[in-house]
């Protein structure tokens, strides 16, 4: 296992902040699932946590334009600098999503798109527990996870060194259930902008 995956991911995204947005900034798959999160929010404005917010485009920007209060978290200092410039009406916190301290029961929805796959498999269950704790009762979580047998990988990606990790689908679903999150929708979908598939989840916190 990589000695400090979180640090590796943070400095990796510092290196490729602009290249990542150019390469992966548009995805119909992500847009569809982000739309499901948006549909769950109060019409008069909700409070949303964007875990692994990157440069704030498109997710935080789209939520803010719709009048929602957005808190973004990302371990990359360079991504946070860009997010604050791109979406000045949102709040962005430079922190590892596994370590950040947030108020319990304070979010109507939480999104994590392509970010939990940078967390070691053993830490994903505890992170899902935190996500459930941060949500209001009935709040919605939408996120993407890896597929196939559990594993980790460290190597060259987009011109930098990057870490990826995931649990098998059944284990991810068990973590969600154990955290008190009821899955409303789940699907393995192939990306439209790269040769990869993800397990997409929409789940609600039990009331």
Protein backbone atom coordinates (compact mmCIF):
# COMPACT_ATOMS: atom_id res chain seq x y z
CA UNK A 1 0.00 0.00 0.00
CA UNK A 2 1.16 3.55 -0.73
CA UNK A 3 2.47 5.06 2.52
CA UNK A 4 0.37 8.25 2.42
CA UNK A 5 -2.26 8.03 -0.32
CA UNK A 6 -4.03 11.24 0.69
CA UNK A 7 -0.84 13.28 0.34
CA UNK A 8 -0.03 11.64 -2.97
CA UNK A 9 -3.49 12.44 -4.32
CA UNK A 10 -3.30 16.05 -3.12
CA UNK A 11 0.06 16.80 -4.70
CA UNK A 12 -0.95 14.90 -7.81
CA UNK A 13 -3.96 17.13 -8.33
CA UNK A 14 -1.82 20.17 -7.61
CA UNK A 15 0.27 19.08 -10.59
CA UNK A 16 -2.63 18.45 -12.98
CA UNK A 17 -5.34 20.87 -11.81
CA UNK A 18 -5.78 22.53 -15.20
CA UNK A 19 -5.19 19.39 -17.24
CA UNK A 20 -7.81 17.50 -15.23
CA UNK A 21 -10.51 20.10 -15.82
CA UNK A 22 -9.70 20.22 -19.53
CA UNK A 23 -9.77 16.43 -19.84
CA UNK A 24 -12.68 15.52 -17.54
CA UNK A 25 -14.66 18.74 -17.06
CA UNK A 26 -17.60 17.51 -19.16
CA UNK A 27 -19.43 14.22 -18.49
CA UNK A 28 -23.02 13.37 -19.33
CA UNK A 29 -22.88 10.52 -16.81
CA UNK A 30 -21.88 12.81 -13.95
CA UNK A 31 -24.42 15.41 -15.07
CA UNK A 32 -27.22 12.84 -14.90
CA UNK A 33 -26.39 11.76 -11.36
CA UNK A 34 -25.72 15.32 -10.22
CA UNK A 35 -29.19 16.15 -11.54
CA UNK A 36 -30.63 13.54 -9.20
CA UNK A 37 -28.93 15.22 -6.26
CA UNK A 38 -30.29 18.59 -7.39
CA UNK A 39 -33.81 17.15 -7.71
CA UNK A 40 -33.67 16.09 -4.04
CA UNK A 41 -32.95 19.60 -2.73
CA UNK A 42 -35.46 22.07 -1.25
CA UNK A 43 -36.80 24.42 -3.91
CA UNK A 44 -36.00 27.42 -1.69
CA UNK A 45 -32.34 26.42 -1.43
CA UNK A 46 -30.48 23.64 0.31
CA UNK A 47 -27.08 23.16 1.94
CA UNK A 48 -24.83 20.86 -0.08
CA UNK A 49 -21.41 19.32 0.55
CA UNK A 50 -19.23 18.66 -2.51
CA UNK A 51 -16.56 16.13 -1.48
CA UNK A 52 -13.58 16.30 -3.80
CA UNK A 53 -14.83 19.52 -5.34
CA UNK A 54 -11.82 20.09 -7.58
CA UNK A 55 -11.89 23.47 -9.31
CA UNK A 56 -15.60 23.92 -8.55
CA UNK A 57 -16.66 23.29 -12.15
CA UNK A 58 -19.22 22.11 -12.96
CA UNK A 59 -20.79 20.77 -9.74
CA UNK A 60 -20.32 23.55 -7.18
CA UNK A 61 -20.90 26.22 -9.82
CA UNK A 62 -24.16 24.68 -11.00
CA UNK A 63 -25.45 24.27 -7.45
CA UNK A 64 -24.56 27.85 -6.52
CA UNK A 65 -26.25 29.24 -9.65
CA UNK A 66 -29.44 27.47 -8.54
CA UNK A 67 -29.30 29.27 -5.19
CA UNK A 68 -27.97 26.46 -2.99
CA UNK A 69 -25.37 26.99 -0.27
CA UNK A 70 -22.30 24.98 -1.24
CA UNK A 71 -19.40 23.77 0.88
CA UNK A 72 -16.59 22.19 -1.13
CA UNK A 73 -13.76 20.07 0.29
CA UNK A 74 -10.60 19.11 -1.57
CA UNK A 75 -7.12 18.08 -0.50
CA UNK A 76 -5.42 19.90 -3.37
CA UNK A 77 -4.44 23.48 -2.58
CA UNK A 78 -4.30 24.31 -6.28
CA UNK A 79 -7.81 22.98 -6.86
CA UNK A 80 -9.12 25.02 -3.92
CA UNK A 81 -7.52 28.20 -5.31
CA UNK A 82 -9.29 27.63 -8.62
CA UNK A 83 -12.60 26.76 -6.99
CA UNK A 84 -12.61 29.98 -4.95
CA UNK A 85 -12.02 31.96 -8.12
CA UNK A 86 -14.53 30.04 -10.21
CA UNK A 87 -17.34 29.96 -7.63
CA UNK A 88 -16.81 32.89 -5.24
CA UNK A 89 -20.27 32.52 -3.67
CA UNK A 90 -19.41 29.05 -2.32
CA UNK A 91 -17.17 28.10 0.61
CA UNK A 92 -14.16 25.87 -0.03
CA UNK A 93 -12.15 24.01 2.60
CA UNK A 94 -8.64 22.66 1.88
CA UNK A 95 -8.69 19.31 3.67
CA UNK A 96 -8.56 15.55 3.24
CA UNK A 97 -12.20 14.42 3.10
CA UNK A 98 -11.41 11.60 5.54
CA UNK A 99 -10.14 14.06 8.16
CA UNK A 100 -12.30 17.16 7.74
CA UNK A 101 -14.51 18.10 10.72
CA UNK A 102 -18.07 19.09 9.80
CA UNK A 103 -21.24 19.56 11.81
CA UNK A 104 -23.50 16.54 12.17
CA UNK A 105 -26.92 16.74 10.52
CA UNK A 106 -26.07 19.93 8.64
CA UNK A 107 -26.44 19.02 4.94
CA UNK A 108 -29.48 18.41 2.76
CA UNK A 109 -27.30 16.54 0.27
CA UNK A 110 -23.74 15.37 -0.23
CA UNK A 111 -22.09 14.62 -3.57
CA UNK A 112 -18.84 12.76 -4.17
CA UNK A 113 -18.05 12.38 -7.86
CA UNK A 114 -14.88 10.46 -8.77
CA UNK A 115 -13.33 11.34 -5.41
CA UNK A 116 -13.92 8.36 -3.09
CA UNK A 117 -11.99 6.23 -5.58
CA UNK A 118 -8.90 8.10 -4.35
CA UNK A 119 -9.49 6.83 -0.79
CA UNK A 120 -7.93 3.55 0.40
CA UNK A 121 -10.52 0.75 0.55
CA UNK A 122 -10.16 0.32 4.32
CA UNK A 123 -11.00 4.00 4.85
CA UNK A 124 -14.08 4.08 2.62
CA UNK A 125 -16.41 2.48 5.16
CA UNK A 126 -15.51 4.99 7.91
CA UNK A 127 -15.88 7.83 5.38
CA UNK A 128 -19.37 6.64 4.46
CA UNK A 129 -20.21 6.63 8.19
CA UNK A 130 -19.13 10.28 8.35
CA UNK A 131 -21.17 11.15 5.25
CA UNK A 132 -24.26 9.67 6.91
CA UNK A 133 -23.53 11.60 10.10
CA UNK A 134 -23.18 14.91 8.21
CA UNK A 135 -26.53 14.47 6.42
CA UNK A 136 -29.83 15.65 7.81
CA UNK A 137 -32.43 12.89 8.33
CA UNK A 138 -33.81 12.17 4.87
CA UNK A 139 -30.82 13.87 3.24
CA UNK A 140 -29.45 12.44 0.02
CA UNK A 141 -26.01 11.16 -0.91
CA UNK A 142 -24.99 10.74 -4.56
CA UNK A 143 -21.56 9.38 -5.37
CA UNK A 144 -19.41 7.17 -7.54
CA UNK A 145 -17.38 4.16 -6.44
CA UNK A 146 -15.06 1.69 -8.11
CA UNK A 147 -16.18 -1.63 -9.57
CA UNK A 148 -14.81 -5.17 -9.57
CA UNK A 149 -12.70 -6.91 -6.96
CA UNK A 150 -11.33 -4.75 -4.16
CA UNK A 151 -7.92 -3.30 -4.86
CA UNK A 152 -5.47 -0.40 -4.95
CA UNK A 153 -3.34 1.06 -7.70
CA UNK A 154 -0.58 3.67 -7.74
CA UNK A 155 0.99 4.80 -10.99
CA UNK A 156 1.27 7.37 -13.75
CA UNK A 157 -2.02 9.07 -14.58
CA UNK A 158 -2.54 12.25 -16.59
CA UNK A 159 1.17 13.06 -16.30
CA UNK A 160 1.44 12.70 -12.52
CA UNK A 161 1.60 9.92 -9.94
CA UNK A 162 -1.86 9.04 -8.59
CA UNK A 163 -3.49 6.61 -6.17
CA UNK A 164 -6.81 4.81 -6.70
CA UNK A 165 -8.64 2.35 -4.49
CA UNK A 166 -12.03 0.68 -4.20
CA UNK A 167 -14.03 -2.07 -2.55
CA UNK A 168 -16.11 -4.65 -4.35
CA UNK A 169 -19.66 -3.51 -5.11
CA UNK A 170 -21.25 -5.75 -2.46
CA UNK A 171 -18.94 -4.37 0.22
CA UNK A 172 -19.70 -0.77 -0.78
CA UNK A 173 -23.43 -1.47 -0.59
CA UNK A 174 -22.95 -3.04 2.86
CA UNK A 175 -21.05 0.03 4.06
CA UNK A 176 -23.94 2.23 2.92
CA UNK A 177 -26.52 0.06 4.68
CA UNK A 178 -24.45 -0.15 7.87
CA UNK A 179 -24.23 3.66 7.91
CA UNK A 180 -28.03 4.01 7.81
CA UNK A 181 -28.23 4.99 4.15
CA UNK A 182 -30.97 3.41 2.04
CA UNK A 183 -30.01 3.00 -1.61
CA UNK A 184 -32.64 4.42 -3.97
CA UNK A 185 -30.75 3.85 -7.20
CA UNK A 186 -27.54 2.05 -8.09
CA UNK A 187 -26.00 1.32 -11.46
CA UNK A 188 -22.63 0.47 -12.96
CA UNK A 189 -22.14 2.95 -15.77
CA UNK A 190 -19.39 3.29 -18.34
CA UNK A 191 -17.95 6.76 -18.56
CA UNK A 192 -18.53 8.86 -21.65
CA UNK A 193 -15.15 10.60 -21.37
CA UNK A 194 -12.74 7.77 -20.49
CA UNK A 195 -12.39 3.99 -20.62
CA UNK A 196 -13.68 3.34 -17.10
CA UNK A 197 -16.83 2.25 -15.29
CA UNK A 198 -18.12 3.34 -11.89
CA UNK A 199 -20.74 2.18 -9.43
CA UNK A 200 -23.12 5.12 -9.05
CA UNK A 201 -25.27 5.42 -5.94
CA UNK A 202 -28.19 7.55 -4.86
CA UNK A 203 -29.02 6.93 -1.21
CA UNK A 204 -31.04 8.64 1.51
CA UNK A 205 -30.33 8.83 5.23
CA UNK A 206 -32.87 6.92 7.25
CA UNK A 207 -35.24 9.13 9.25
